[in-house]
Amino acid sequence: MTLEHVALVWQNGVGFGFKAGVGVGIAVGLLLAWLWLAWLWRWVRSQAGR
C-alpha cells in the first residue's frame, strides 16, 4: 500500500463519512420537525376545543 493509496482511501472515507453524517442529520432534522408539528397540531386542536 503506497502513500497515494492510503491518501485516496482516507479521502474516500472522509467523503463517505461526511455524506453519511449529512444524511443522518437531515433524517434526524425531518423526524424532529415532524414530531414538533404533530405536537403543535395537537396543542392547537386542544386550544380550539376550549
PDB file of N, CA and C in Angstrom:
ATOM      1  N   MET A   1       0.849  -1.199   0.000  1.00  0.00           N
ATOM      2  CA  MET A   1       0.000   0.000   0.000  1.00  0.00           C
ATOM      3  C   MET A   1       0.879   1.242   0.000  1.00  0.00           C
ATOM      4  N   THR A   2       0.755   2.020  -1.048  1.00  0.00           N
ATOM      5  CA  THR A   2       1.564   3.236  -1.155  1.00  0.00           C
ATOM      6  C   THR A   2       0.881   4.380  -0.412  1.00  0.00           C
ATOM      7  N   LEU A   3       1.628   5.445  -0.222  1.00  0.00           N
ATOM      8  CA  LEU A   3       1.115   6.631   0.460  1.00  0.00           C
ATOM      9  C   LEU A   3      -0.057   7.236  -0.318  1.00  0.00           C
ATOM     10  N   GLU A   4       0.050   7.204  -1.661  1.00  0.00           N
ATOM     11  CA  GLU A   4      -1.032   7.733  -2.501  1.00  0.00           C
ATOM     12  C   GLU A   4      -2.321   6.935  -2.288  1.00  0.00           C
ATOM     13  N   HIS A   5      -2.155   5.610  -2.192  1.00  0.00           N
ATOM     14  CA  HIS A   5      -3.312   4.736  -1.979  1.00  0.00           C
ATOM     15  C   HIS A   5      -3.965   5.022  -0.628  1.00  0.00           C
ATOM     16  N   VAL A   6      -3.129   5.180   0.393  1.00  0.00           N
ATOM     17  CA  VAL A   6      -3.632   5.493   1.738  1.00  0.00           C
ATOM     18  C   VAL A   6      -4.395   6.816   1.708  1.00  0.00           C
ATOM     19  N   ALA A   7      -3.819   7.823   1.034  1.00  0.00           N
ATOM     20  CA  ALA A   7      -4.452   9.140   0.940  1.00  0.00           C
ATOM     21  C   ALA A   7      -5.791   9.045   0.219  1.00  0.00           C
ATOM     22  N   LEU A   8      -5.838   8.241  -0.845  1.00  0.00           N
ATOM     23  CA  LEU A   8      -7.067   8.083  -1.625  1.00  0.00           C
ATOM     24  C   LEU A   8      -8.156   7.413  -0.783  1.00  0.00           C
ATOM     25  N   VAL A   9      -7.781   6.333  -0.093  1.00  0.00           N
ATOM     26  CA  VAL A   9      -8.729   5.619   0.773  1.00  0.00           C
ATOM     27  C   VAL A   9      -9.223   6.547   1.883  1.00  0.00           C
ATOM     28  N   TRP A  10      -8.302   7.335   2.456  1.00  0.00           N
ATOM     29  CA  TRP A  10      -8.653   8.261   3.536  1.00  0.00           C
ATOM     30  C   TRP A  10      -9.633   9.318   3.037  1.00  0.00           C
ATOM     31  N   GLN A  11      -9.356   9.873   1.845  1.00  0.00           N
ATOM     32  CA  GLN A  11     -10.251  10.878   1.258  1.00  0.00           C
ATOM     33  C   GLN A  11     -11.635  10.291   0.997  1.00  0.00           C
ATOM     34  N   ASN A  12     -11.666   9.062   0.444  1.00  0.00           N
ATOM     35  CA  ASN A  12     -12.944   8.396   0.180  1.00  0.00           C
ATOM     36  C   ASN A  12     -13.700   8.158   1.483  1.00  0.00           C
ATOM     37  N   GLY A  13     -12.974   7.744   2.517  1.00  0.00           N
ATOM     38  CA  GLY A  13     -13.583   7.505   3.828  1.00  0.00           C
ATOM     39  C   GLY A  13     -14.158   8.786   4.410  1.00  0.00           C
ATOM     40  N   VAL A  14     -13.407   9.883   4.316  1.00  0.00           N
ATOM     41  CA  VAL A  14     -13.864  11.176   4.820  1.00  0.00           C
ATOM     42  C   VAL A  14     -15.092  11.631   4.041  1.00  0.00           C
ATOM     43  N   GLY A  15     -15.043  11.483   2.702  1.00  0.00           N
ATOM     44  CA  GLY A  15     -16.179  11.864   1.857  1.00  0.00           C
ATOM     45  C   GLY A  15     -17.421  11.064   2.202  1.00  0.00           C
ATOM     46  N   PHE A  16     -17.247   9.753   2.410  1.00  0.00           N
ATOM     47  CA  PHE A  16     -18.374   8.890   2.768  1.00  0.00           C
ATOM     48  C   PHE A  16     -18.916   9.255   4.148  1.00  0.00           C
ATOM     49  N   GLY A  17     -18.002   9.478   5.083  1.00  0.00           N
ATOM     50  CA  GLY A  17     -18.409   9.855   6.439  1.00  0.00           C
ATOM     51  C   GLY A  17     -19.181  11.164   6.444  1.00  0.00           C
ATOM     52  N   PHE A  18     -18.721  12.117   5.621  1.00  0.00           N
ATOM     53  CA  PHE A  18     -19.389  13.415   5.524  1.00  0.00           C
ATOM     54  C   PHE A  18     -20.795  13.246   4.962  1.00  0.00           C
ATOM     55  N   LYS A  19     -20.915  12.460   3.866  1.00  0.00           N
ATOM     56  CA  LYS A  19     -22.228  12.216   3.250  1.00  0.00           C
ATOM     57  C   LYS A  19     -23.156  11.493   4.228  1.00  0.00           C
ATOM     58  N   ALA A  20     -22.621  10.494   4.936  1.00  0.00           N
ATOM     59  CA  ALA A  20     -23.425   9.752   5.911  1.00  0.00           C
ATOM     60  C   ALA A  20     -23.876  10.682   7.037  1.00  0.00           C
ATOM     61  N   GLY A  21     -22.967  11.537   7.497  1.00  0.00           N
ATOM     62  CA  GLY A  21     -23.294  12.491   8.558  1.00  0.00           C
ATOM     63  C   GLY A  21     -24.382  13.455   8.127  1.00  0.00           C
ATOM     64  N   VAL A  22     -24.267  13.966   6.909  1.00  0.00           N
ATOM     65  CA  VAL A  22     -25.283  14.881   6.372  1.00  0.00           C
ATOM     66  C   VAL A  22     -26.625  14.157   6.255  1.00  0.00           C
ATOM     67  N   GLY A  23     -26.588  12.921   5.754  1.00  0.00           N
ATOM     68  CA  GLY A  23     -27.813  12.132   5.603  1.00  0.00           C
ATOM     69  C   GLY A  23     -28.494  11.887   6.943  1.00  0.00           C
ATOM     70  N   VAL A  24     -27.710  11.516   7.949  1.00  0.00           N
ATOM     71  CA  VAL A  24     -28.250  11.282   9.295  1.00  0.00           C
ATOM     72  C   VAL A  24     -28.800  12.589   9.871  1.00  0.00           C
ATOM     73  N   GLY A  25     -28.063  13.680   9.650  1.00  0.00           N
ATOM     74  CA  GLY A  25     -28.509  14.991  10.137  1.00  0.00           C
ATOM     75  C   GLY A  25     -29.847  15.389   9.544  1.00  0.00           C
ATOM     76  N   ILE A  26     -29.995  15.182   8.240  1.00  0.00           N
ATOM     77  CA  ILE A  26     -31.258  15.506   7.555  1.00  0.00           C
ATOM     78  C   ILE A  26     -32.383  14.615   8.086  1.00  0.00           C
ATOM     79  N   ALA A  27     -32.101  13.321   8.242  1.00  0.00           N
ATOM     80  CA  ALA A  27     -33.122  12.384   8.729  1.00  0.00           C
ATOM     81  C   ALA A  27     -33.581  12.769  10.133  1.00  0.00           C
ATOM     82  N   VAL A  28     -32.629  13.081  11.023  1.00  0.00           N
ATOM     83  CA  VAL A  28     -32.961  13.481  12.396  1.00  0.00           C
ATOM     84  C   VAL A  28     -33.732  14.797  12.393  1.00  0.00           C
ATOM     85  N   GLY A  29     -33.292  15.733  11.543  1.00  0.00           N
ATOM     86  CA  GLY A  29     -33.978  17.023  11.433  1.00  0.00           C
ATOM     87  C   GLY A  29     -35.419  16.860  10.986  1.00  0.00           C
ATOM     88  N   LEU A  30     -35.642  16.011   9.986  1.00  0.00           N
ATOM     89  CA  LEU A  30     -37.001  15.760   9.492  1.00  0.00           C
ATOM     90  C   LEU A  30     -37.857  15.102  10.570  1.00  0.00           C
ATOM     91  N   LEU A  31     -37.271  14.145  11.292  1.00  0.00           N
ATOM     92  CA  LEU A  31     -38.003  13.457  12.355  1.00  0.00           C
ATOM     93  C   LEU A  31     -38.411  14.438  13.449  1.00  0.00           C
ATOM     94  N   LEU A  32     -37.469  15.283  13.878  1.00  0.00           N
ATOM     95  CA  LEU A  32     -37.765  16.274  14.911  1.00  0.00           C
ATOM     96  C   LEU A  32     -38.821  17.260  14.438  1.00  0.00           C
ATOM     97  N   ALA A  33     -38.709  17.710  13.186  1.00  0.00           N
ATOM     98  CA  ALA A  33     -39.690  18.651  12.625  1.00  0.00           C
ATOM     99  C   ALA A  33     -41.075  18.010  12.598  1.00  0.00           C
ATOM    100  N   TRP A  34     -41.141  16.728  12.218  1.00  0.00           N
ATOM    101  CA  TRP A  34     -42.418  16.015  12.150  1.00  0.00           C
ATOM    102  C   TRP A  34     -43.026  15.868  13.545  1.00  0.00           C
ATOM    103  N   LEU A  35     -42.200  15.496  14.522  1.00  0.00           N
ATOM    104  CA  LEU A  35     -42.685  15.353  15.899  1.00  0.00           C
ATOM    105  C   LEU A  35     -43.169  16.693  16.444  1.00  0.00           C
ATOM    106  N   TRP A  36     -42.426  17.768  16.154  1.00  0.00           N
ATOM    107  CA  TRP A  36     -42.785  19.109  16.614  1.00  0.00           C
ATOM    108  C   TRP A  36     -44.106  19.553  15.996  1.00  0.00           C
ATOM    109  N   LEU A  37     -44.264  19.302  14.691  1.00  0.00           N
ATOM    110  CA  LEU A  37     -45.512  19.664  14.007  1.00  0.00           C
ATOM    111  C   LEU A  37     -46.690  18.859  14.558  1.00  0.00           C
ATOM    112  N   ALA A  38     -46.468  17.571  14.841  1.00  0.00           N
ATOM    113  CA  ALA A  38     -47.528  16.726  15.399  1.00  0.00           C
ATOM    114  C   ALA A  38     -47.946  17.254  16.768  1.00  0.00           C
ATOM    115  N   TRP A  39     -46.949  17.620  17.594  1.00  0.00           N
ATOM    116  CA  TRP A  39     -47.242  18.182  18.918  1.00  0.00           C
ATOM    117  C   TRP A  39     -47.958  19.517  18.785  1.00  0.00           C
ATOM    118  N   LEU A  40     -47.498  20.366  17.891  1.00  0.00           N
ATOM    119  CA  LEU A  40     -48.101  21.682  17.665  1.00  0.00           C
ATOM    120  C   LEU A  40     -49.551  21.531  17.204  1.00  0.00           C
ATOM    121  N   TRP A  41     -49.795  20.581  16.289  1.00  0.00           N
ATOM    122  CA  TRP A  41     -51.150  20.321  15.784  1.00  0.00           C
ATOM    123  C   TRP A  41     -52.070  19.924  16.936  1.00  0.00           C
ATOM    124  N   ARG A  42     -51.596  19.014  17.811  1.00  0.00           N
ATOM    125  CA  ARG A  42     -52.394  18.581  18.965  1.00  0.00           C
ATOM    126  C   ARG A  42     -52.667  19.748  19.905  1.00  0.00           C
ATOM    127  N   TRP A  43     -51.661  20.589  20.120  1.00  0.00           N
ATOM    128  CA  TRP A  43     -51.804  21.745  21.015  1.00  0.00           C
ATOM    129  C   TRP A  43     -52.837  22.724  20.461  1.00  0.00           C
ATOM    130  N   VAL A  44     -52.745  23.006  19.155  1.00  0.00           N
ATOM    131  CA  VAL A  44     -53.700  23.917  18.508  1.00  0.00           C
ATOM    132  C   VAL A  44     -55.118  23.349  18.609  1.00  0.00           C
ATOM    133  N   ARG A  45     -55.251  22.038  18.375  1.00  0.00           N
ATOM    134  CA  ARG A  45     -56.565  21.390  18.448  1.00  0.00           C
ATOM    135  C   ARG A  45     -57.135  21.493  19.869  1.00  0.00           C
ATOM    136  N   SER A  46     -56.279  21.288  20.875  1.00  0.00           N
ATOM    137  CA  SER A  46     -56.748  21.350  22.263  1.00  0.00           C
ATOM    138  C   SER A  46     -57.138  22.783  22.638  1.00  0.00           C
ATOM    139  N   GLN A  47     -56.423  23.767  22.121  1.00  0.00           N
ATOM    140  CA  GLN A  47     -56.750  25.175  22.377  1.00  0.00           C
ATOM    141  C   GLN A  47     -58.080  25.532  21.723  1.00  0.00           C
ATOM    142  N   ALA A  48     -58.289  25.053  20.505  1.00  0.00           N
ATOM    143  CA  ALA A  48     -59.514  25.358  19.756  1.00  0.00           C
ATOM    144  C   ALA A  48     -60.726  24.696  20.418  1.00  0.00           C
ATOM    145  N   GLY A  49     -60.492  23.557  21.088  1.00  0.00           N
ATOM    146  CA  GLY A  49     -61.588  22.822  21.695  1.00  0.00           C
ATOM    147  C   GLY A  49     -62.133  23.466  22.957  1.00  0.00           C
ATOM    148  N   ARG A  50     -61.374  24.397  23.554  1.00  0.00           N
ATOM    149  CA  ARG A  50     -61.796  25.014  24.810  1.00  0.00           C
ATOM    150  C   ARG A  50     -62.906  26.020  24.617  1.00  0.00           C
TER     151      ARG A  50
END
